[in-house]
C-alpha atoms as a PDB file:
ATOM      1  CA  MET A   1       0.092   0.176  -0.162  1.00  0.00           C
ATOM      2  CA  ALA A   2       2.062   3.282  -1.288  1.00  0.00           C
ATOM      3  CA  ASP A   3      -0.746   5.646  -0.088  1.00  0.00           C
ATOM      4  CA  VAL A   4       0.266   4.577   3.798  1.00  0.00           C
ATOM      5  CA  LEU A   5       2.017   7.165   4.925  1.00  0.00           C
ATOM      6  CA  PRO A   6       4.180   7.015   8.598  1.00  0.00           C
ATOM      7  CA  PRO A   7       2.644   8.334  11.878  1.00  0.00           C
ATOM      8  CA  HIS A   8       4.067  11.233  11.569  1.00  0.00           C
ATOM      9  CA  ASP A   9       3.894  12.002   8.017  1.00  0.00           C
ATOM     10  CA  ALA A  10       0.177  11.596   8.526  1.00  0.00           C
ATOM     11  CA  ASP A  11      -0.134  13.259  11.650  1.00  0.00           C
ATOM     12  CA  GLU A  12       1.561  16.516   9.664  1.00  0.00           C
ATOM     13  CA  ALA A  13      -0.500  16.394   6.376  1.00  0.00           C
ATOM     14  CA  TRP A  14      -3.903  16.454   8.292  1.00  0.00           C
ATOM     15  CA  ALA A  15      -2.664  19.221  10.698  1.00  0.00           C
ATOM     16  CA  LEU A  16      -1.786  20.782   7.143  1.00  0.00           C
ATOM     17  CA  ALA A  17      -5.062  19.834   5.797  1.00  0.00           C
ATOM     18  CA  GLU A  18      -6.747  21.267   8.823  1.00  0.00           C
ATOM     19  CA  ALA A  19      -5.008  24.809   8.489  1.00  0.00           C
ATOM     20  CA  LEU A  20      -5.212  25.074   4.778  1.00  0.00           C
ATOM     21  CA  ARG A  21      -8.823  24.259   4.346  1.00  0.00           C
ATOM     22  CA  PRO A  22     -10.103  27.259   6.200  1.00  0.00           C
ATOM     23  CA  ALA A  23      -7.757  29.329   4.457  1.00  0.00           C
ATOM     24  CA  LEU A  24      -9.009  28.025   0.865  1.00  0.00           C
ATOM     25  CA  HIS A  25     -12.525  28.420   1.894  1.00  0.00           C
ATOM     26  CA  ARG A  26     -11.791  32.030   2.787  1.00  0.00           C
ATOM     27  CA  LEU A  27      -9.749  32.639  -0.295  1.00  0.00           C
ATOM     28  CA  MET A  28     -12.427  31.447  -2.534  1.00  0.00           C
ATOM     29  CA  ARG A  29     -15.246  32.954  -0.624  1.00  0.00           C
ATOM     30  CA  ARG A  30     -13.656  36.150  -0.986  1.00  0.00           C
ATOM     31  CA  LEU A  31     -13.014  35.771  -4.713  1.00  0.00           C
ATOM     32  CA  ARG A  32     -16.672  34.900  -5.215  1.00  0.00           C
ATOM     33  CA  ARG A  33     -17.557  38.004  -3.498  1.00  0.00           C
ATOM     34  CA  GLU A  34     -15.104  40.271  -5.631  1.00  0.00           C
ATOM     35  CA  GLY A  35     -16.843  39.680  -9.225  1.00  0.00           C
ATOM     36  CA  PRO A  36     -19.469  41.926 -10.371  1.00  0.00           C
ATOM     37  CA  GLU A  37     -23.196  41.947  -9.639  1.00  0.00           C
ATOM     38  CA  LEU A  38     -24.336  39.017 -11.690  1.00  0.00           C
ATOM     39  CA  ASP A  39     -28.009  38.178 -12.001  1.00  0.00           C
ATOM     40  CA  ILE A  40     -25.922  34.833 -12.736  1.00  0.00           C
ATOM     41  CA  SER A  41     -25.990  32.095  -9.258  1.00  0.00           C
ATOM     42  CA  PRO A  42     -22.704  30.406  -8.502  1.00  0.00           C
ATOM     43  CA  LEU A  43     -24.099  27.281  -9.617  1.00  0.00           C
ATOM     44  CA  GLN A  44     -24.696  28.684 -12.919  1.00  0.00           C
ATOM     45  CA  THR A  45     -21.564  30.456 -13.182  1.00  0.00           C
ATOM     46  CA  LEU A  46     -19.844  27.038 -12.742  1.00  0.00           C
ATOM     47  CA  LEU A  47     -22.173  25.291 -15.113  1.00  0.00           C
ATOM     48  CA  LEU A  48     -21.284  27.946 -17.679  1.00  0.00           C
ATOM     49  CA  VAL A  49     -17.854  27.163 -17.032  1.00  0.00           C
ATOM     50  CA  SER A  50     -18.023  23.500 -18.085  1.00  0.00           C
ATOM     51  CA  ILE A  51     -20.203  23.955 -20.862  1.00  0.00           C
ATOM     52  CA  VAL A  52     -17.310  26.311 -22.501  1.00  0.00           C
ATOM     53  CA  LYS A  53     -14.829  23.644 -21.695  1.00  0.00           C
ATOM     54  CA  ARG A  54     -16.571  21.263 -23.464  1.00  0.00           C
ATOM     55  CA  PRO A  55     -18.651  22.802 -26.274  1.00  0.00           C
ATOM     56  CA  GLY A  56     -21.615  20.387 -27.121  1.00  0.00           C
ATOM     57  CA  ILE A  57     -21.977  18.988 -23.413  1.00  0.00           C
ATOM     58  CA  GLY A  58     -25.878  17.501 -22.544  1.00  0.00           C
ATOM     59  CA  VAL A  59     -27.686  17.698 -19.970  1.00  0.00           C
ATOM     60  CA  VAL A  60     -26.847  14.450 -18.498  1.00  0.00           C
ATOM     61  CA  GLU A  61     -23.412  14.700 -18.695  1.00  0.00           C
ATOM     62  CA  LEU A  62     -23.258  18.470 -17.212  1.00  0.00           C
ATOM     63  CA  ALA A  63     -25.462  16.783 -14.155  1.00  0.00           C
ATOM     64  CA  ALA A  64     -22.997  13.728 -13.846  1.00  0.00           C
ATOM     65  CA  GLU A  65     -19.753  16.046 -14.438  1.00  0.00           C
ATOM     66  CA  GLU A  66     -21.410  18.110 -11.455  1.00  0.00           C
ATOM     67  CA  LYS A  67     -22.717  15.738  -9.211  1.00  0.00           C
ATOM     68  CA  LEU A  68     -26.068  16.865  -9.203  1.00  0.00           C
ATOM     69  CA  ARG A  69     -29.442  15.478 -10.349  1.00  0.00           C
ATOM     70  CA  GLY A  70     -30.540  16.686 -14.053  1.00  0.00           C
ATOM     71  CA  PRO A  71     -33.694  17.885 -12.861  1.00  0.00           C
ATOM     72  CA  THR A  72     -31.762  20.655 -10.315  1.00  0.00           C
ATOM     73  CA  ILE A  73     -29.351  21.312 -13.737  1.00  0.00           C
ATOM     74  CA  SER A  74     -32.182  21.591 -16.041  1.00  0.00           C
ATOM     75  CA  GLY A  75     -33.753  23.980 -14.221  1.00  0.00           C
ATOM     76  CA  HIS A  76     -30.618  26.291 -14.007  1.00  0.00           C
ATOM     77  CA  VAL A  77     -30.049  25.687 -18.136  1.00  0.00           C
ATOM     78  CA  LYS A  78     -33.453  26.804 -18.577  1.00  0.00           C
ATOM     79  CA  ALA A  79     -32.694  30.408 -16.325  1.00  0.00           C
ATOM     80  CA  MET A  80     -29.380  30.246 -18.305  1.00  0.00           C
ATOM     81  CA  GLU A  81     -31.129  29.952 -21.689  1.00  0.00           C
ATOM     82  CA  LEU A  82     -33.456  32.658 -20.584  1.00  0.00           C
ATOM     83  CA  ALA A  83     -30.575  34.727 -19.560  1.00  0.00           C
ATOM     84  CA  GLY A  84     -29.592  34.230 -23.006  1.00  0.00           C
ATOM     85  CA  LEU A  85     -25.972  32.525 -21.625  1.00  0.00           C
ATOM     86  CA  VAL A  86     -26.783  29.076 -23.038  1.00  0.00           C
ATOM     87  CA  GLU A  87     -28.257  27.767 -26.457  1.00  0.00           C
ATOM     88  CA  ARG A  88     -29.255  24.346 -27.262  1.00  0.00           C
ATOM     89  CA  THR A  89     -27.305  22.391 -30.380  1.00  0.00           C
ATOM     90  CA  PRO A  90     -29.571  20.914 -32.729  1.00  0.00           C
ATOM     91  CA  PRO A  91     -29.905  17.236 -32.091  1.00  0.00           C
ATOM     92  CA  ASP A  92     -27.445  14.434 -33.346  1.00  0.00           C
ATOM     93  CA  PRO A  93     -28.257  13.047 -36.044  1.00  0.00           C
ATOM     94  CA  ARG A  94     -27.122   9.385 -34.809  1.00  0.00           C
ATOM     95  CA  ASP A  95     -29.373   9.933 -31.447  1.00  0.00           C
ATOM     96  CA  ARG A  96     -31.973  12.818 -32.333  1.00  0.00           C
ATOM     97  CA  ARG A  97     -32.993  12.786 -28.396  1.00  0.00           C
ATOM     98  CA  ARG A  98     -29.341  13.839 -27.702  1.00  0.00           C
ATOM     99  CA  ILE A  99     -29.502  17.600 -27.905  1.00  0.00           C
ATOM    100  CA  GLY A 100     -25.744  19.509 -26.627  1.00  0.00           C
ATOM    101  CA  LEU A 101     -25.248  22.771 -24.765  1.00  0.00           C
ATOM    102  CA  ILE A 102     -23.033  25.758 -26.117  1.00  0.00           C
ATOM    103  CA  ALA A 103     -22.261  29.370 -24.343  1.00  0.00           C
ATOM    104  CA  THR A 104     -23.258  31.826 -26.283  1.00  0.00           C
ATOM    105  CA  GLU A 105     -20.982  35.313 -27.103  1.00  0.00           C
ATOM    106  CA  LYS A 106     -22.944  36.580 -24.169  1.00  0.00           C
ATOM    107  CA  GLY A 107     -22.581  33.914 -22.185  1.00  0.00           C
ATOM    108  CA  ARG A 108     -18.443  33.914 -22.780  1.00  0.00           C
ATOM    109  CA  ASP A 109     -18.390  37.579 -22.003  1.00  0.00           C
ATOM    110  CA  LEU A 110     -19.689  37.269 -18.770  1.00  0.00           C
ATOM    111  CA  LEU A 111     -17.050  35.041 -17.916  1.00  0.00           C
ATOM    112  CA  GLU A 112     -14.252  36.497 -19.252  1.00  0.00           C
ATOM    113  CA  THR A 113     -15.965  39.404 -17.051  1.00  0.00           C
ATOM    114  CA  ILE A 114     -15.815  37.776 -14.085  1.00  0.00           C
ATOM    115  CA  ARG A 115     -12.462  36.339 -14.428  1.00  0.00           C
ATOM    116  CA  ARG A 116     -11.215  39.592 -15.243  1.00  0.00           C
ATOM    117  CA  SER A 117     -12.627  41.262 -12.030  1.00  0.00           C
ATOM    118  CA  ARG A 118     -11.548  38.681  -9.789  1.00  0.00           C
ATOM    119  CA  THR A 119      -8.297  38.368 -11.248  1.00  0.00           C
ATOM    120  CA  ASP A 120      -7.537  42.356 -10.825  1.00  0.00           C
ATOM    121  CA  TRP A 121      -8.556  41.807  -7.063  1.00  0.00           C
ATOM    122  CA  LEU A 122      -6.391  39.057  -6.651  1.00  0.00           C
ATOM    123  CA  ALA A 123      -3.446  40.581  -8.251  1.00  0.00           C
ATOM    124  CA  ARG A 124      -3.871  43.865  -6.060  1.00  0.00           C
ATOM    125  CA  ARG A 125      -4.213  41.611  -2.737  1.00  0.00           C
ATOM    126  CA  LEU A 126      -0.768  39.926  -3.833  1.00  0.00           C
ATOM    127  CA  ALA A 127       0.986  43.246  -4.854  1.00  0.00           C
ATOM    128  CA  GLN A 128       0.711  44.497  -0.928  1.00  0.00           C
ATOM    129  CA  LEU A 129       2.379  41.109   0.460  1.00  0.00           C
ATOM    130  CA  PRO A 130       5.956  41.409   0.444  1.00  0.00           C
ATOM    131  CA  ALA A 131       8.471  40.064  -2.170  1.00  0.00           C
ATOM    132  CA  PRO A 132       8.696  36.402  -0.024  1.00  0.00           C
ATOM    133  CA  ALA A 133       5.255  35.424   0.796  1.00  0.00           C
ATOM    134  CA  ARG A 134       4.531  35.799  -3.333  1.00  0.00           C
ATOM    135  CA  GLN A 135       7.724  34.023  -3.501  1.00  0.00           C
ATOM    136  CA  ALA A 136       5.907  31.270  -1.341  1.00  0.00           C
ATOM    137  CA  ILE A 137       2.870  31.563  -2.913  1.00  0.00           C
ATOM    138  CA  ARG A 138       4.285  30.710  -6.612  1.00  0.00           C
ATOM    139  CA  ALA A 139       6.183  27.695  -4.907  1.00  0.00           C
ATOM    140  CA  ALA A 140       2.932  26.227  -3.700  1.00  0.00           C
ATOM    141  CA  ILE A 141       0.898  26.519  -6.888  1.00  0.00           C
ATOM    142  CA  ALA A 142       2.763  23.081  -8.438  1.00  0.00           C
ATOM    143  CA  PRO A 143       1.680  20.843  -5.356  1.00  0.00           C
ATOM    144  CA  LEU A 144      -1.828  22.588  -4.998  1.00  0.00           C
ATOM    145  CA  GLU A 145      -2.490  21.915  -8.665  1.00  0.00           C
ATOM    146  CA  GLU A 146      -1.024  17.992  -8.497  1.00  0.00           C
ATOM    147  CA  ILE A 147      -3.897  18.041  -5.301  1.00  0.00           C
ATOM    148  CA  GLY A 148      -6.702  19.921  -7.092  1.00  0.00           C
ATOM    149  CA  ARG A 149      -6.163  16.753 -10.064  1.00  0.00           C
END
């Protein structure tokens, strides 16, 4: 079993996780609040990102990807359609029941506005830190990305 850590390493990892989790949670909450005032929910933003990344994704696939129920996703997709953020693709000729979703230009522009606003806020906050702190954060990016995979 390669995943079993020696007791000391496991304890250290647990303590690090206990300290890191709330810090990451607070940072993510701040980033969400720093975005522009929107008529789109955080879940709809997440769904829109998934649709942009996977044009033509179906509602069933989207629900599975986000680990949510189909009816929940359907309601959000309908609201996003009414807002002009997504549209449905024509039925798949091989399976006429399968209809995909794509982001409209308005939806892609909205995501870019959110991304830019949040990046600007984070850049301003990072600029206030001393250089060694920014270097420590830079060094932590790769290990954090590895954990997220």
